[in-house]
Protein backbone atom coordinates (compact mmCIF):
# COMPACT_ATOMS: atom_id res chain seq x y z
CA MET A 1 20.95 -12.09 6.94
CA ALA A 2 24.40 -11.17 5.72
CA GLU A 3 24.72 -8.05 3.62
CA THR A 4 26.32 -10.05 0.81
CA GLY A 5 25.37 -13.34 -0.76
CA GLY A 6 22.39 -14.56 -2.73
CA ILE A 7 18.86 -14.41 -1.39
CA ARG A 8 16.38 -17.07 -2.49
CA ILE A 9 12.99 -15.52 -3.15
CA ALA A 10 9.49 -16.97 -3.38
CA LEU A 11 6.52 -15.17 -4.92
CA ILE A 12 3.34 -16.28 -3.17
CA GLU A 13 0.02 -16.09 -5.07
CA ALA A 14 1.59 -14.16 -7.94
CA GLY A 15 -1.64 -14.01 -9.92
CA HIS A 16 -2.33 -10.75 -8.07
CA TRP A 17 -2.29 -7.83 -10.54
CA HIS A 18 0.41 -6.07 -8.52
CA ALA A 19 2.94 -8.89 -8.80
CA PRO A 20 4.33 -7.83 -12.21
CA LEU A 21 5.11 -4.39 -10.75
CA TYR A 22 7.64 -6.03 -8.42
CA LEU A 23 9.70 -7.74 -11.11
CA ASP A 24 11.99 -4.84 -12.08
CA GLY A 25 12.81 -4.35 -8.41
CA LEU A 26 13.73 -8.01 -8.04
CA LEU A 27 16.11 -7.68 -10.96
CA SER A 28 17.73 -4.59 -9.43
CA ALA A 29 18.04 -6.25 -6.03
CA GLY A 30 20.13 -9.08 -7.44
CA VAL A 31 18.10 -11.88 -5.85
CA GLU A 32 17.17 -15.34 -7.12
CA VAL A 33 13.48 -16.14 -7.62
CA VAL A 34 13.30 -19.88 -7.03
CA ALA A 35 9.59 -20.59 -6.56
CA VAL A 36 6.21 -19.10 -7.49
CA SER A 37 2.70 -20.04 -6.44
CA ASP A 38 -0.66 -19.08 -7.97
CA ARG A 39 -3.91 -20.83 -7.19
CA ASP A 40 -5.43 -19.51 -10.45
CA GLY A 41 -2.50 -20.63 -12.56
CA ALA A 42 -1.87 -18.47 -15.59
CA GLY A 43 -0.28 -15.29 -14.25
CA GLY A 44 1.95 -16.98 -11.71
CA ARG A 45 2.96 -19.72 -14.13
CA GLN A 46 4.16 -17.11 -16.63
CA ILE A 47 6.26 -15.42 -13.95
CA ALA A 48 7.71 -18.78 -12.89
CA GLU A 49 8.69 -19.51 -16.49
CA GLN A 50 10.30 -16.09 -16.77
CA TYR A 51 12.59 -16.91 -13.83
CA ASP A 52 12.93 -20.63 -14.55
CA ALA A 53 11.49 -21.11 -11.06
CA CYS A 54 9.47 -23.98 -9.64
CA PHE A 55 5.73 -23.42 -9.96
CA TYR A 56 3.15 -24.47 -7.37
CA GLU A 57 -0.62 -24.20 -7.45
CA SER A 58 -0.60 -24.37 -3.63
CA TRP A 59 1.36 -21.82 -1.62
CA ARG A 60 1.32 -24.25 1.31
CA ASP A 61 3.14 -26.83 -0.80
CA LEU A 62 5.66 -24.19 -1.84
CA ILE A 63 6.62 -23.11 1.66
CA GLN A 64 6.85 -26.70 2.84
CA SER A 65 8.95 -27.83 -0.13
CA GLU A 66 11.31 -24.93 -0.91
CA ALA A 67 14.24 -23.51 1.02
CA VAL A 68 13.74 -19.76 0.63
CA ASP A 69 15.05 -16.76 2.54
CA PHE A 70 12.35 -14.24 1.72
CA ALA A 71 8.87 -14.17 0.18
CA PHE A 72 6.83 -11.50 -1.51
CA ALA A 73 3.28 -12.55 -0.68
CA PHE A 74 0.14 -11.45 -2.50
CA GLY A 75 -3.18 -13.29 -2.72
CA ARG A 76 -6.73 -12.39 -1.89
CA PRO A 77 -6.92 -10.12 1.16
CA VAL A 78 -9.17 -12.56 3.01
CA GLU A 79 -6.31 -15.11 2.87
CA MET A 80 -3.45 -12.74 3.66
CA PRO A 81 -3.41 -13.20 7.46
CA VAL A 82 -3.35 -16.99 7.03
CA ILE A 83 -0.52 -16.80 4.49
CA GLY A 84 1.44 -14.46 6.78
CA GLU A 85 0.98 -16.66 9.83
CA ALA A 86 2.17 -19.71 7.87
CA LEU A 87 5.30 -17.84 6.73
CA ILE A 88 6.04 -16.84 10.32
CA GLU A 89 5.60 -20.45 11.46
CA VAL A 90 8.21 -21.74 8.98
CA GLY A 91 10.57 -18.83 9.61
CA ILE A 92 10.45 -17.09 6.21
CA ALA A 93 10.75 -13.30 6.30
CA PHE A 94 8.33 -11.61 3.92
CA ALA A 95 6.61 -8.61 2.44
CA LEU A 96 2.83 -8.81 2.40
CA GLU A 97 0.76 -6.86 -0.12
CA LYS A 98 -1.61 -4.38 1.49
CA PRO A 99 -4.24 -4.35 2.96
CA CYS A 100 -2.98 -7.54 4.72
CA GLY A 101 -6.52 -8.68 5.50
CA VAL A 102 -10.16 -7.69 5.32
CA ASP A 103 -10.75 -6.56 8.89
CA PRO A 104 -8.82 -5.23 11.89
CA ALA A 105 -9.00 -8.51 13.82
CA GLY A 106 -7.17 -10.50 11.15
CA VAL A 107 -4.45 -7.91 10.58
CA ARG A 108 -3.94 -7.38 14.33
CA ARG A 109 -3.67 -11.12 14.92
CA LEU A 110 -0.98 -11.33 12.26
CA ALA A 111 0.84 -8.29 13.63
CA ASP A 112 0.83 -9.79 17.13
CA ALA A 113 2.25 -13.08 15.82
CA ALA A 114 5.02 -11.24 13.95
CA ALA A 115 5.86 -9.14 17.00
CA ARG A 116 6.11 -12.19 19.26
CA ALA A 117 8.45 -13.89 16.80
CA LYS A 118 10.41 -10.67 16.07
CA HIS A 119 9.76 -11.50 12.44
CA PHE A 120 10.61 -9.21 9.51
CA VAL A 121 7.40 -8.21 7.70
CA ALA A 122 7.25 -5.30 5.25
CA VAL A 123 4.02 -3.77 3.90
CA PRO A 124 3.92 -1.69 0.70
CA TYR A 125 2.30 1.50 1.83
CA LEU A 126 4.49 3.00 -0.81
CA TYR A 127 4.71 6.63 0.15
CA ARG A 128 6.83 5.83 3.19
CA ILE A 129 9.70 5.36 0.76
CA GLY A 130 10.73 7.06 -2.44
CA PRO A 131 11.04 10.54 -3.86
CA LEU A 132 7.85 12.14 -2.53
CA ARG A 133 8.71 11.37 1.08
CA ALA A 134 12.29 12.50 0.50
CA ALA A 135 11.12 15.81 -0.97
CA LEU A 136 8.69 16.48 1.87
CA ALA A 137 11.28 15.49 4.47
CA GLY A 138 13.68 17.96 2.91
CA LEU A 139 11.13 20.74 3.32
CA SER A 140 10.21 19.95 6.90
CA GLY A 141 13.70 19.07 8.13
CA GLY A 142 12.68 15.45 8.62
CA LEU A 143 9.50 13.48 9.17
CA PRO A 144 7.07 13.15 10.78
CA GLY A 145 6.12 16.66 9.84
CA ARG A 146 3.32 18.72 11.21
CA PHE A 147 1.09 19.40 8.26
CA HIS A 148 -2.11 21.20 9.26
CA HIS A 149 -4.38 20.28 6.40
CA LEU A 150 -3.91 17.59 3.79
CA SER A 151 -6.04 16.56 0.84
CA PHE A 152 -5.45 13.64 -1.53
CA ARG A 153 -7.40 12.63 -4.60
CA PHE A 154 -6.61 9.31 -6.27
CA VAL A 155 -9.09 8.08 -8.86
CA GLY A 156 -8.13 5.01 -10.83
CA GLY A 157 -9.69 3.20 -13.75
CA PRO A 158 -13.00 1.30 -13.71
CA PRO A 159 -13.70 -1.97 -11.92
CA SER A 160 -13.55 -3.83 -15.23
CA ARG A 161 -9.75 -3.70 -15.08
CA TYR A 162 -9.83 -6.32 -12.32
CA LEU A 163 -11.84 -8.65 -14.54
CA GLU A 164 -9.34 -8.08 -17.36
CA ASN A 165 -6.50 -9.00 -14.98
CA ASP A 166 -8.23 -12.21 -13.83
CA CYS A 167 -8.77 -10.75 -10.36
CA ALA A 168 -12.58 -10.76 -10.25
CA TRP A 169 -12.34 -11.42 -6.52
CA MET A 170 -11.49 -7.71 -6.12
CA LEU A 171 -15.19 -7.02 -6.72
CA ASP A 172 -16.30 -9.40 -3.97
CA PRO A 173 -16.06 -7.55 -0.64
CA SER A 174 -16.01 -10.84 1.29
CA GLN A 175 -12.65 -11.58 -0.38
CA SER A 176 -11.23 -8.08 -0.98
CA GLY A 177 -12.57 -6.28 2.09
CA GLY A 178 -14.05 -3.47 0.00
CA GLY A 179 -13.56 -1.32 -3.04
CA ALA A 180 -11.76 1.93 -3.78
CA LEU A 181 -11.52 3.00 -0.15
CA MET A 182 -9.85 -0.24 0.96
CA ASN A 183 -7.71 -0.70 -2.14
CA LEU A 184 -6.59 2.85 -2.89
CA GLY A 185 -7.48 4.96 0.13
CA GLY A 186 -5.25 3.04 2.54
CA HIS A 187 -2.11 4.53 0.98
CA PHE A 188 -3.28 8.00 1.91
CA VAL A 189 -4.54 7.07 5.36
CA ASP A 190 -0.99 5.93 6.05
CA LEU A 191 0.46 9.08 4.47
CA PHE A 192 -1.83 11.21 6.65
CA HIS A 193 -0.57 9.34 9.72
CA LEU A 194 3.01 10.01 8.65
CA LEU A 195 2.61 13.67 7.77
CA ALA A 196 0.24 14.65 10.56
CA GLY A 197 2.48 13.04 13.16
CA GLY A 198 0.22 10.22 14.33
CA PRO A 199 -2.98 8.26 13.76
CA ALA A 200 -6.28 10.00 13.14
CA ALA A 201 -8.47 10.71 16.14
CA ASN A 202 -11.82 11.05 14.34
CA VAL A 203 -13.16 9.57 11.12
CA SER A 204 -16.13 10.17 8.86
CA ALA A 205 -16.81 8.86 5.36
CA LEU A 206 -19.27 8.50 2.52
CA THR A 207 -19.15 5.86 -0.21
CA SER A 208 -21.01 5.18 -3.44
CA GLU A 209 -21.17 2.39 -6.01
CA SER A 210 -23.59 4.24 -8.28
CA ALA A 211 -21.14 4.71 -11.18
CA TYR A 212 -20.78 0.99 -11.92
CA GLY A 213 -22.83 -1.02 -9.40
CA ALA A 214 -20.00 -3.54 -9.34
CA GLY A 215 -20.61 -4.79 -5.79
CA VAL A 216 -17.96 -2.59 -4.12
CA GLU A 217 -17.75 1.17 -3.74
CA ASP A 218 -16.40 2.93 -6.80
CA TYR A 219 -16.03 6.28 -5.02
CA ALA A 220 -15.34 7.26 -1.43
CA VAL A 221 -14.56 10.44 0.45
CA LEU A 222 -12.94 10.18 3.87
CA ARG A 223 -12.32 12.93 6.40
CA LEU A 224 -9.74 12.47 9.14
CA THR A 225 -8.94 14.65 12.13
CA GLY A 226 -5.55 14.24 13.77
CA VAL A 227 -4.81 14.28 17.48
CA ASP A 228 -3.22 17.74 17.08
CA GLY A 229 -6.07 19.10 15.00
CA ALA A 230 -4.78 18.36 11.50
CA ILE A 231 -7.55 17.78 8.97
CA GLY A 232 -7.23 15.37 6.09
CA VAL A 233 -9.56 14.68 3.16
CA ILE A 234 -9.06 11.59 1.00
CA GLU A 235 -10.97 10.87 -2.20
CA ALA A 236 -10.55 7.44 -3.77
CA GLY A 237 -12.34 6.07 -6.78
CA TYR A 238 -12.59 3.66 -9.67
CA THR A 239 -14.28 6.22 -11.93
CA PHE A 240 -11.47 7.61 -14.09
CA PRO A 241 -12.02 6.81 -17.79
CA SER A 242 -8.55 5.35 -18.17
CA GLY A 243 -7.09 4.51 -21.54
CA GLY A 244 -3.83 4.88 -23.40
CA GLU A 245 -1.27 6.64 -21.24
CA SER A 246 -3.89 8.14 -18.90
CA LEU A 247 -4.37 5.68 -16.05
CA ARG A 248 -5.65 7.83 -13.19
CA GLU A 249 -6.11 11.20 -11.59
CA PHE A 250 -3.76 11.87 -8.68
CA SER A 251 -3.47 15.22 -6.95
CA PHE A 252 -2.81 16.54 -3.48
CA THR A 253 -2.41 19.69 -1.39
CA LEU A 254 -0.49 19.93 1.90
CA ARG A 255 -0.03 22.88 4.22
CA SER A 256 2.49 23.10 7.06
CA GLN A 257 3.63 26.02 9.18
CA GLN A 258 6.27 26.85 6.57
CA HIS A 259 5.06 25.48 3.23
CA TYR A 260 2.07 25.12 0.93
CA VAL A 261 2.65 22.13 -1.34
CA THR A 262 0.60 21.10 -4.35
CA SER A 263 1.05 18.34 -6.91
CA ARG A 264 1.87 19.56 -10.39
CA GLY A 265 2.09 17.04 -13.22
CA GLN A 266 5.07 14.86 -12.37
CA GLY A 267 6.30 17.07 -9.58
CA ILE A 268 5.33 19.37 -6.76
CA GLU A 269 5.00 23.13 -6.40
CA VAL A 270 6.20 24.57 -3.10
CA ARG A 271 5.21 28.01 -1.84
CA SER A 272 6.55 29.66 1.27
CA VAL A 273 3.99 30.52 3.92
CA LEU A 274 6.52 32.78 5.66
CA ALA A 275 7.49 34.65 2.47
CA PRO A 276 4.37 34.50 0.27
CA THR A 277 5.66 37.05 -2.25
CA GLU A 278 8.51 34.79 -3.30
CA GLN A 279 8.14 32.72 -6.46
CA ALA A 280 7.06 29.13 -5.98
CA ASP A 281 9.64 26.39 -6.37
CA VAL A 282 8.80 23.55 -8.71
CA LEU A 283 10.48 20.26 -7.83
CA ASP A 284 10.74 17.31 -10.20
CA VAL A 285 9.32 14.46 -8.08
CA GLU A 286 8.14 11.12 -9.49
CA LEU A 287 4.50 10.60 -8.50
CA ARG A 288 3.45 7.59 -10.61
CA ASN A 289 2.79 4.99 -7.95
CA GLU A 290 3.52 2.01 -10.21
CA LEU A 291 7.15 3.14 -10.26
CA TYR A 292 7.28 3.01 -6.45
CA TYR A 293 6.92 -0.79 -6.38
CA PRO A 294 10.47 -1.49 -7.62
CA MET A 295 11.70 1.06 -5.07
CA PHE A 296 9.79 -0.81 -2.36
CA VAL A 297 11.37 -4.11 -3.41
CA THR A 298 14.94 -2.82 -3.41
CA ASP A 299 14.44 -0.89 -0.16
CA THR A 300 12.91 -3.94 1.54
CA ILE A 301 15.64 -6.34 0.40
CA ALA A 302 18.34 -3.87 1.47
CA ARG A 303 16.81 -3.52 4.93
CA PHE A 304 16.45 -7.28 5.27
CA ARG A 305 20.07 -7.84 4.26
CA GLN A 306 21.28 -5.23 6.74
CA GLY A 307 19.15 -6.47 9.65
CA LYS A 308 17.09 -3.28 9.76
CA ALA A 309 13.36 -2.87 10.31
CA PRO A 310 11.17 -2.38 7.24
CA ALA A 311 10.15 1.14 6.25
CA CYS A 312 6.53 0.19 6.86
CA GLY A 313 5.32 -2.86 8.71
CA LEU A 314 2.30 -4.51 10.24
CA ALA A 315 1.95 -1.95 13.04
CA GLN A 316 1.19 0.67 10.41
CA ALA A 317 -1.07 -1.75 8.53
CA VAL A 318 -3.13 -2.26 11.69
CA GLU A 319 -3.59 1.48 12.10
CA VAL A 320 -4.68 1.83 8.49
CA MET A 321 -7.11 -1.07 8.73
CA ASP A 322 -8.60 0.33 11.95
CA ILE A 323 -9.30 3.64 10.19
CA ILE A 324 -10.71 1.99 7.06
CA ALA A 325 -13.04 -0.16 9.16
CA LEU A 326 -14.26 2.94 11.02
CA ALA A 327 -14.75 4.67 7.67
CA TYR A 328 -17.01 1.88 6.42
CA ARG A 329 -18.98 2.04 9.67
CA SER A 330 -19.31 5.79 9.28
CA ALA A 331 -20.46 5.51 5.67
CA ALA A 332 -23.08 2.93 6.65
CA ALA A 333 -24.35 5.47 9.20
CA GLY A 334 -24.56 8.29 6.67
CA GLY A 335 -21.21 9.87 7.45
CA GLU A 336 -21.36 9.82 11.25
CA VAL A 337 -18.17 11.03 12.95
CA LEU A 338 -16.54 8.16 14.84
CA SER A 339 -13.62 8.25 17.27
CA TYR A 340 -10.52 6.12 16.98
CA GLN A 341 -9.36 5.10 20.45
């Protein structure tokens, strides 16, 4: 794709609650949204009207009828591998909302198809781009770093928000793949892989749905051990009493050979391990993940235009899904430690 010139965009299954978070990025990227699909109708139809784009109830009809250069694909996770394979077959480059499937087999099948076709596929594991990664890279002299212990806590609002957004399928594990661990925890599995320098070697997890009994876990704790001994702890939940401007709890702590980093409001606090008497530095770093989606869109379109690989692709999505699947197996066995080969 040439670096200049218009790009015709399709939004596939735009009834997904994340789709509106992409719209500011599409505006910044200077692309033309020409077609939108949504099997459930209302959300996608509104977006199509906003762009004066053609609306389709069937994504298959859209990709067979429209000449588009790039698609941002959403949908129910159980359908994501099928949507991705169809886009590869017709030659449309795309970004596919995480988790890209409900099990390792489906995501790996899609990744293999994309690799054979040398097809551009981006995946929004958001912390591979944006200000947090840039700040951490600046500390470590470039990534991957070698952080020795890492803890992340991300607790979002209750499961009822998916009903309010007409995405009740999120509470059906046969369609969504799982609850808070699958939906929220994957971001931090990927961030652990990035910051620890490679995929986890061992996994253990516990999950609970006792807070709401909504059919998927509303709280999960995951422990990862890296190949070089790094230890990561990830907490993910749907138990934050969100309302008004308070949407979630997000905090983290990271320790490398040189730095001890903690989240602090909308920024990070950095302490020197080598000079512990020095005053901590406080860096203004945007941490609200909803603001990372426009960054993902503009970064992805820029890479596509320039013929570069995406910042995060299906290879990383496979690794995340492998770990999440092991975590569910571990939780079912009471937290048994399992190895990732």
